[in-house]
Amino acid sequence: LPGHTSFCVEFIEGEAMLMLLNSQGVAVSSGSA
């Protein structure tokens, strides 16, 4: 899909990245909403 990027960052959890990105003003998902 255009505009769709998905990846895994090894050794850490997606939810932790999601919350810290949110603290920087960036809204993302970790898997399906």
ModelCIF file with pLDDT and N, C-alpha, C, O atoms, coordinates in Angstrom:
data_MODEL
#
_entry.id   MODEL 
#
_entity.id                         1 
_entity.type                       polymer 
_entity.pdbx_number_of_molecules   1 
#
_entity_poly.entity_id                      1 
_entity_poly.type                           'polypeptide(L)' 
_entity_poly.nstd_linkage                   no 
_entity_poly.nstd_monomer                   no 
_entity_poly.pdbx_seq_one_letter_code       LPGHTSFCVEFIEGEAMLMLLNSQGVAVSSGSA 
_entity_poly.pdbx_seq_one_letter_code_can   LPGHTSFCVEFIEGEAMLMLLNSQGVAVSSGSA 
_entity_poly.pdbx_strand_id                 A 
#
loop_
_entity_poly_seq.entity_id 
_entity_poly_seq.num 
_entity_poly_seq.mon_id 
_entity_poly_seq.hetero 
1 1  LEU n 
1 2  PRO n 
1 3  GLY n 
1 4  HIS n 
1 5  THR n 
1 6  SER n 
1 7  PHE n 
1 8  CYS n 
1 9  VAL n 
1 10 GLU n 
1 11 PHE n 
1 12 ILE n 
1 13 GLU n 
1 14 GLY n 
1 15 GLU n 
1 16 ALA n 
1 17 MET n 
1 18 LEU n 
1 19 MET n 
1 20 LEU n 
1 21 LEU n 
1 22 ASN n 
1 23 SER n 
1 24 GLN n 
1 25 GLY n 
1 26 VAL n 
1 27 ALA n 
1 28 VAL n 
1 29 SER n 
1 30 SER n 
1 31 GLY n 
1 32 SER n 
1 33 ALA n 
#
_struct_asym.id          A 
_struct_asym.entity_id   1 
#
loop_
_ma_qa_metric.id 
_ma_qa_metric.mode 
_ma_qa_metric.name 
_ma_qa_metric.software_group_id 
_ma_qa_metric.type 
1 global pLDDT . pLDDT 
2 local  pLDDT . pLDDT 
#
_ma_qa_metric_global.metric_id      1 
_ma_qa_metric_global.metric_value   92.70 
_ma_qa_metric_global.model_id       1 
_ma_qa_metric_global.ordinal_id     1 
#
loop_
_ma_qa_metric_local.label_asym_id 
_ma_qa_metric_local.label_comp_id 
_ma_qa_metric_local.label_seq_id 
_ma_qa_metric_local.metric_id 
_ma_qa_metric_local.metric_value 
_ma_qa_metric_local.model_id 
_ma_qa_metric_local.ordinal_id 
A LEU 1  2 98.00 1 1  
A PRO 2  2 98.00 1 2  
A GLY 3  2 96.00 1 3  
A HIS 4  2 97.00 1 4  
A THR 5  2 97.00 1 5  
A SER 6  2 97.00 1 6  
A PHE 7  2 97.00 1 7  
A CYS 8  2 97.00 1 8  
A VAL 9  2 97.00 1 9  
A GLU 10 2 96.00 1 10 
A PHE 11 2 95.00 1 11 
A ILE 12 2 94.00 1 12 
A GLU 13 2 94.00 1 13 
A GLY 14 2 95.00 1 14 
A GLU 15 2 94.00 1 15 
A ALA 16 2 96.00 1 16 
A MET 17 2 97.00 1 17 
A LEU 18 2 97.00 1 18 
A MET 19 2 97.00 1 19 
A LEU 20 2 97.00 1 20 
A LEU 21 2 98.00 1 21 
A ASN 22 2 98.00 1 22 
A SER 23 2 97.00 1 23 
A GLN 24 2 98.00 1 24 
A GLY 25 2 98.00 1 25 
A VAL 26 2 98.00 1 26 
A ALA 27 2 98.00 1 27 
A VAL 28 2 98.00 1 28 
A SER 29 2 95.00 1 29 
A SER 30 2 89.00 1 30 
A GLY 31 2 69.00 1 31 
A SER 32 2 48.00 1 32 
A ALA 33 2 49.00 1 33 
#
loop_
_atom_site.group_PDB 
_atom_site.id 
_atom_site.type_symbol 
_atom_site.label_atom_id 
_atom_site.label_alt_id 
_atom_site.label_comp_id 
_atom_site.label_asym_id 
_atom_site.label_entity_id 
_atom_site.label_seq_id 
_atom_site.pdbx_PDB_ins_code 
_atom_site.Cartn_x 
_atom_site.Cartn_y 
_atom_site.Cartn_z 
_atom_site.occupancy 
_atom_site.B_iso_or_equiv 
_atom_site.pdbx_formal_charge 
_atom_site.auth_seq_id 
_atom_site.auth_comp_id 
_atom_site.auth_asym_id 
_atom_site.auth_atom_id 
_atom_site.pdbx_PDB_model_num 
ATOM 1   N N  . LEU A 1 1  ? 0.821  -1.201 0.000  1.00 98.00 ? 1  LEU A N  1 
ATOM 2   C CA . LEU A 1 1  ? 0.000  0.000  0.000  1.00 98.00 ? 1  LEU A CA 1 
ATOM 3   C C  . LEU A 1 1  ? 0.860  1.258  0.000  1.00 98.00 ? 1  LEU A C  1 
ATOM 4   O O  . LEU A 1 1  ? 1.885  1.303  0.681  1.00 98.00 ? 1  LEU A O  1 
ATOM 5   N N  . PRO A 1 2  ? 0.461  2.279  -0.753 1.00 98.00 ? 2  PRO A N  1 
ATOM 6   C CA . PRO A 1 2  ? 1.194  3.544  -0.694 1.00 98.00 ? 2  PRO A CA 1 
ATOM 7   C C  . PRO A 1 2  ? 1.000  4.179  0.681  1.00 98.00 ? 2  PRO A C  1 
ATOM 8   O O  . PRO A 1 2  ? -0.071 4.066  1.278  1.00 98.00 ? 2  PRO A O  1 
ATOM 9   N N  . GLY A 1 3  ? 2.025  4.836  1.172  1.00 96.00 ? 3  GLY A N  1 
ATOM 10  C CA . GLY A 1 3  ? 1.903  5.485  2.473  1.00 96.00 ? 3  GLY A CA 1 
ATOM 11  C C  . GLY A 1 3  ? 1.956  4.547  3.648  1.00 96.00 ? 3  GLY A C  1 
ATOM 12  O O  . GLY A 1 3  ? 1.709  4.964  4.780  1.00 96.00 ? 3  GLY A O  1 
ATOM 13  N N  . HIS A 1 4  ? 2.275  3.277  3.411  1.00 97.00 ? 4  HIS A N  1 
ATOM 14  C CA . HIS A 1 4  ? 2.276  2.273  4.477  1.00 97.00 ? 4  HIS A CA 1 
ATOM 15  C C  . HIS A 1 4  ? 3.700  1.811  4.745  1.00 97.00 ? 4  HIS A C  1 
ATOM 16  O O  . HIS A 1 4  ? 4.360  1.286  3.848  1.00 97.00 ? 4  HIS A O  1 
ATOM 17  N N  . THR A 1 5  ? 4.182  2.001  5.971  1.00 97.00 ? 5  THR A N  1 
ATOM 18  C CA . THR A 1 5  ? 5.498  1.505  6.368  1.00 97.00 ? 5  THR A CA 1 
ATOM 19  C C  . THR A 1 5  ? 5.360  0.679  7.630  1.00 97.00 ? 5  THR A C  1 
ATOM 20  O O  . THR A 1 5  ? 4.693  1.090  8.580  1.00 97.00 ? 5  THR A O  1 
ATOM 21  N N  . SER A 1 6  ? 5.983  -0.469 7.640  1.00 97.00 ? 6  SER A N  1 
ATOM 22  C CA . SER A 1 6  ? 5.943  -1.327 8.826  1.00 97.00 ? 6  SER A CA 1 
ATOM 23  C C  . SER A 1 6  ? 7.297  -1.997 8.987  1.00 97.00 ? 6  SER A C  1 
ATOM 24  O O  . SER A 1 6  ? 7.928  -2.394 8.007  1.00 97.00 ? 6  SER A O  1 
ATOM 25  N N  . PHE A 1 7  ? 7.729  -2.118 10.216 1.00 97.00 ? 7  PHE A N  1 
ATOM 26  C CA . PHE A 1 7  ? 9.032  -2.715 10.496 1.00 97.00 ? 7  PHE A CA 1 
ATOM 27  C C  . PHE A 1 7  ? 9.090  -3.141 11.955 1.00 97.00 ? 7  PHE A C  1 
ATOM 28  O O  . PHE A 1 7  ? 8.270  -2.724 12.772 1.00 97.00 ? 7  PHE A O  1 
ATOM 29  N N  . CYS A 1 8  ? 10.067 -3.973 12.267 1.00 97.00 ? 8  CYS A N  1 
ATOM 30  C CA . CYS A 1 8  ? 10.317 -4.397 13.635 1.00 97.00 ? 8  CYS A CA 1 
ATOM 31  C C  . CYS A 1 8  ? 11.712 -3.940 14.039 1.00 97.00 ? 8  CYS A C  1 
ATOM 32  O O  . CYS A 1 8  ? 12.666 -4.081 13.275 1.00 97.00 ? 8  CYS A O  1 
ATOM 33  N N  . VAL A 1 9  ? 11.820 -3.404 15.218 1.00 97.00 ? 9  VAL A N  1 
ATOM 34  C CA . VAL A 1 9  ? 13.112 -3.019 15.785 1.00 97.00 ? 9  VAL A CA 1 
ATOM 35  C C  . VAL A 1 9  ? 13.480 -4.077 16.820 1.00 97.00 ? 9  VAL A C  1 
ATOM 36  O O  . VAL A 1 9  ? 12.771 -4.265 17.809 1.00 97.00 ? 9  VAL A O  1 
ATOM 37  N N  . GLU A 1 10 ? 14.573 -4.752 16.589 1.00 96.00 ? 10 GLU A N  1 
ATOM 38  C CA . GLU A 1 10 ? 14.940 -5.870 17.458 1.00 96.00 ? 10 GLU A CA 1 
ATOM 39  C C  . GLU A 1 10 ? 15.330 -5.413 18.863 1.00 96.00 ? 10 GLU A C  1 
ATOM 40  O O  . GLU A 1 10 ? 15.857 -4.319 19.062 1.00 96.00 ? 10 GLU A O  1 
ATOM 41  N N  . PHE A 1 11 ? 15.054 -6.282 19.818 1.00 95.00 ? 11 PHE A N  1 
ATOM 42  C CA . PHE A 1 11 ? 15.470 -6.174 21.223 1.00 95.00 ? 11 PHE A CA 1 
ATOM 43  C C  . PHE A 1 11 ? 14.600 -5.239 22.067 1.00 95.00 ? 11 PHE A C  1 
ATOM 44  O O  . PHE A 1 11 ? 14.838 -5.116 23.268 1.00 95.00 ? 11 PHE A O  1 
ATOM 45  N N  . ILE A 1 12 ? 13.603 -4.580 21.480 1.00 94.00 ? 12 ILE A N  1 
ATOM 46  C CA . ILE A 1 12 ? 12.722 -3.713 22.260 1.00 94.00 ? 12 ILE A CA 1 
ATOM 47  C C  . ILE A 1 12 ? 11.277 -3.929 21.830 1.00 94.00 ? 12 ILE A C  1 
ATOM 48  O O  . ILE A 1 12 ? 11.019 -4.495 20.768 1.00 94.00 ? 12 ILE A O  1 
ATOM 49  N N  . GLU A 1 13 ? 10.338 -3.480 22.653 1.00 94.00 ? 13 GLU A N  1 
ATOM 50  C CA . GLU A 1 13 ? 8.918  -3.697 22.386 1.00 94.00 ? 13 GLU A CA 1 
ATOM 51  C C  . GLU A 1 13 ? 8.304  -2.506 21.653 1.00 94.00 ? 13 GLU A C  1 
ATOM 52  O O  . GLU A 1 13 ? 8.636  -1.348 21.910 1.00 94.00 ? 13 GLU A O  1 
ATOM 53  N N  . GLY A 1 14 ? 7.399  -2.831 20.734 1.00 95.00 ? 14 GLY A N  1 
ATOM 54  C CA . GLY A 1 14 ? 6.751  -1.788 19.957 1.00 95.00 ? 14 GLY A CA 1 
ATOM 55  C C  . GLY A 1 14 ? 5.960  -0.818 20.800 1.00 95.00 ? 14 GLY A C  1 
ATOM 56  O O  . GLY A 1 14 ? 5.934  0.379  20.512 1.00 95.00 ? 14 GLY A O  1 
ATOM 57  N N  . GLU A 1 15 ? 5.297  -1.330 21.865 1.00 94.00 ? 15 GLU A N  1 
ATOM 58  C CA . GLU A 1 15 ? 4.482  -0.449 22.694 1.00 94.00 ? 15 GLU A CA 1 
ATOM 59  C C  . GLU A 1 15 ? 5.334  0.618  23.386 1.00 94.00 ? 15 GLU A C  1 
ATOM 60  O O  . GLU A 1 15 ? 4.895  1.756  23.554 1.00 94.00 ? 15 GLU A O  1 
ATOM 61  N N  . ALA A 1 16 ? 6.549  0.245  23.785 1.00 96.00 ? 16 ALA A N  1 
ATOM 62  C CA . ALA A 1 16 ? 7.434  1.220  24.428 1.00 96.00 ? 16 ALA A CA 1 
ATOM 63  C C  . ALA A 1 16 ? 7.841  2.306  23.442 1.00 96.00 ? 16 ALA A C  1 
ATOM 64  O O  . ALA A 1 16 ? 7.856  3.486  23.790 1.00 96.00 ? 16 ALA A O  1 
ATOM 65  N N  . MET A 1 17 ? 8.171  1.918  22.217 1.00 97.00 ? 17 MET A N  1 
ATOM 66  C CA . MET A 1 17 ? 8.505  2.910  21.185 1.00 97.00 ? 17 MET A CA 1 
ATOM 67  C C  . MET A 1 17 ? 7.309  3.797  20.891 1.00 97.00 ? 17 MET A C  1 
ATOM 68  O O  . MET A 1 17 ? 7.441  5.010  20.731 1.00 97.00 ? 17 MET A O  1 
ATOM 69  N N  . LEU A 1 18 ? 6.136  3.173  20.821 1.00 97.00 ? 18 LEU A N  1 
ATOM 70  C CA . LEU A 1 18 ? 4.906  3.925  20.542 1.00 97.00 ? 18 LEU A CA 1 
ATOM 71  C C  . LEU A 1 18 ? 4.690  5.024  21.576 1.00 97.00 ? 18 LEU A C  1 
ATOM 72  O O  . LEU A 1 18 ? 4.395  6.164  21.218 1.00 97.00 ? 18 LEU A O  1 
ATOM 73  N N  . MET A 1 19 ? 4.835  4.689  22.857 1.00 97.00 ? 19 MET A N  1 
ATOM 74  C CA . MET A 1 19 ? 4.588  5.662  23.915 1.00 97.00 ? 19 MET A CA 1 
ATOM 75  C C  . MET A 1 19 ? 5.615  6.786  23.912 1.00 97.00 ? 19 MET A C  1 
ATOM 76  O O  . MET A 1 19 ? 5.270  7.944  24.148 1.00 97.00 ? 19 MET A O  1 
ATOM 77  N N  . LEU A 1 20 ? 6.872  6.453  23.647 1.00 97.00 ? 20 LEU A N  1 
ATOM 78  C CA . LEU A 1 20 ? 7.899  7.490  23.618 1.00 97.00 ? 20 LEU A CA 1 
ATOM 79  C C  . LEU A 1 20 ? 7.773  8.359  22.371 1.00 97.00 ? 20 LEU A C  1 
ATOM 80  O O  . LEU A 1 20 ? 8.048  9.558  22.419 1.00 97.00 ? 20 LEU A O  1 
ATOM 81  N N  . LEU A 1 21 ? 7.365  7.769  21.270 1.00 98.00 ? 21 LEU A N  1 
ATOM 82  C CA . LEU A 1 21 ? 7.089  8.578  20.078 1.00 98.00 ? 21 LEU A CA 1 
ATOM 83  C C  . LEU A 1 21 ? 5.915  9.518  20.340 1.00 98.00 ? 21 LEU A C  1 
ATOM 84  O O  . LEU A 1 21 ? 5.923  10.672 19.911 1.00 98.00 ? 21 LEU A O  1 
ATOM 85  N N  . ASN A 1 22 ? 4.918  9.016  21.040 1.00 98.00 ? 22 ASN A N  1 
ATOM 86  C CA . ASN A 1 22 ? 3.771  9.855  21.388 1.00 98.00 ? 22 ASN A CA 1 
ATOM 87  C C  . ASN A 1 22 ? 4.200  11.054 22.231 1.00 98.00 ? 22 ASN A C  1 
ATOM 88  O O  . ASN A 1 22 ? 3.666  12.152 22.077 1.00 98.00 ? 22 ASN A O  1 
ATOM 89  N N  . SER A 1 23 ? 5.173  10.834 23.126 1.00 97.00 ? 23 SER A N  1 
ATOM 90  C CA . SER A 1 23 ? 5.670  11.937 23.953 1.00 97.00 ? 23 SER A CA 1 
ATOM 91  C C  . SER A 1 23 ? 6.407  12.985 23.129 1.00 97.00 ? 23 SER A C  1 
ATOM 92  O O  . SER A 1 23 ? 6.608  14.114 23.575 1.00 97.00 ? 23 SER A O  1 
ATOM 93  N N  . GLN A 1 24 ? 6.809  12.593 21.912 1.00 98.00 ? 24 GLN A N  1 
ATOM 94  C CA . GLN A 1 24 ? 7.466  13.516 20.994 1.00 98.00 ? 24 GLN A CA 1 
ATOM 95  C C  . GLN A 1 24 ? 6.493  14.060 19.938 1.00 98.00 ? 24 GLN A C  1 
ATOM 96  O O  . GLN A 1 24 ? 6.905  14.715 18.980 1.00 98.00 ? 24 GLN A O  1 
ATOM 97  N N  . GLY A 1 25 ? 5.197  13.778 20.128 1.00 98.00 ? 25 GLY A N  1 
ATOM 98  C CA . GLY A 1 25 ? 4.185  14.309 19.222 1.00 98.00 ? 25 GLY A CA 1 
ATOM 99  C C  . GLY A 1 25 ? 3.920  13.475 17.998 1.00 98.00 ? 25 GLY A C  1 
ATOM 100 O O  . GLY A 1 25 ? 3.273  13.942 17.061 1.00 98.00 ? 25 GLY A O  1 
ATOM 101 N N  . VAL A 1 26 ? 4.415  12.227 17.982 1.00 98.00 ? 26 VAL A N  1 
ATOM 102 C CA . VAL A 1 26 ? 4.253  11.360 16.807 1.00 98.00 ? 26 VAL A CA 1 
ATOM 103 C C  . VAL A 1 26 ? 3.284  10.227 17.145 1.00 98.00 ? 26 VAL A C  1 
ATOM 104 O O  . VAL A 1 26 ? 3.507  9.473  18.092 1.00 98.00 ? 26 VAL A O  1 
ATOM 105 N N  . ALA A 1 27 ? 2.210  10.114 16.367 1.00 98.00 ? 27 ALA A N  1 
ATOM 106 C CA . ALA A 1 27 ? 1.220  9.059  16.568 1.00 98.00 ? 27 ALA A CA 1 
ATOM 107 C C  . ALA A 1 27 ? 1.454  7.932  15.572 1.00 98.00 ? 27 ALA A C  1 
ATOM 108 O O  . ALA A 1 27 ? 1.424  8.147  14.360 1.00 98.00 ? 27 ALA A O  1 
ATOM 109 N N  . VAL A 1 28 ? 1.689  6.716  16.094 1.00 98.00 ? 28 VAL A N  1 
ATOM 110 C CA . VAL A 1 28 ? 1.886  5.534  15.257 1.00 98.00 ? 28 VAL A CA 1 
ATOM 111 C C  . VAL A 1 28 ? 1.120  4.374  15.888 1.00 98.00 ? 28 VAL A C  1 
ATOM 112 O O  . VAL A 1 28 ? 0.497  4.528  16.939 1.00 98.00 ? 28 VAL A O  1 
ATOM 113 N N  . SER A 1 29 ? 1.173  3.217  15.238 1.00 95.00 ? 29 SER A N  1 
ATOM 114 C CA . SER A 1 29 ? 0.568  2.001  15.785 1.00 95.00 ? 29 SER A CA 1 
ATOM 115 C C  . SER A 1 29 ? 1.631  0.937  15.959 1.00 95.00 ? 29 SER A C  1 
ATOM 116 O O  . SER A 1 29 ? 2.717  1.011  15.384 1.00 95.00 ? 29 SER A O  1 
ATOM 117 N N  . SER A 1 30 ? 1.296  -0.038 16.753 1.00 89.00 ? 30 SER A N  1 
ATOM 118 C CA . SER A 1 30 ? 2.110  -1.243 16.865 1.00 89.00 ? 30 SER A CA 1 
ATOM 119 C C  . SER A 1 30 ? 1.204  -2.415 16.527 1.00 89.00 ? 30 SER A C  1 
ATOM 120 O O  . SER A 1 30 ? 0.628  -3.044 17.415 1.00 89.00 ? 30 SER A O  1 
ATOM 121 N N  . GLY A 1 31 ? 1.082  -2.705 15.225 1.00 69.00 ? 31 GLY A N  1 
ATOM 122 C CA . GLY A 1 31 ? 0.150  -3.730 14.765 1.00 69.00 ? 31 GLY A CA 1 
ATOM 123 C C  . GLY A 1 31 ? -1.209 -3.133 14.447 1.00 69.00 ? 31 GLY A C  1 
ATOM 124 O O  . GLY A 1 31 ? -1.341 -1.915 14.323 1.00 69.00 ? 31 GLY A O  1 
ATOM 125 N N  . SER A 1 32 ? -2.222 -3.983 14.314 1.00 48.00 ? 32 SER A N  1 
ATOM 126 C CA . SER A 1 32 ? -3.572 -3.560 13.967 1.00 48.00 ? 32 SER A CA 1 
ATOM 127 C C  . SER A 1 32 ? -4.198 -2.746 15.087 1.00 48.00 ? 32 SER A C  1 
ATOM 128 O O  . SER A 1 32 ? -4.022 -3.059 16.264 1.00 48.00 ? 32 SER A O  1 
ATOM 129 N N  . ALA A 1 33 ? -4.933 -1.695 14.717 1.00 49.00 ? 33 ALA A N  1 
ATOM 130 C CA . ALA A 1 33 ? -5.613 -0.871 15.720 1.00 49.00 ? 33 ALA A CA 1 
ATOM 131 C C  . ALA A 1 33 ? -6.633 -1.678 16.513 1.00 49.00 ? 33 ALA A C  1 
ATOM 132 O O  . ALA A 1 33 ? -7.295 -1.137 17.399 1.00 49.00 ? 33 ALA A O  1 
#
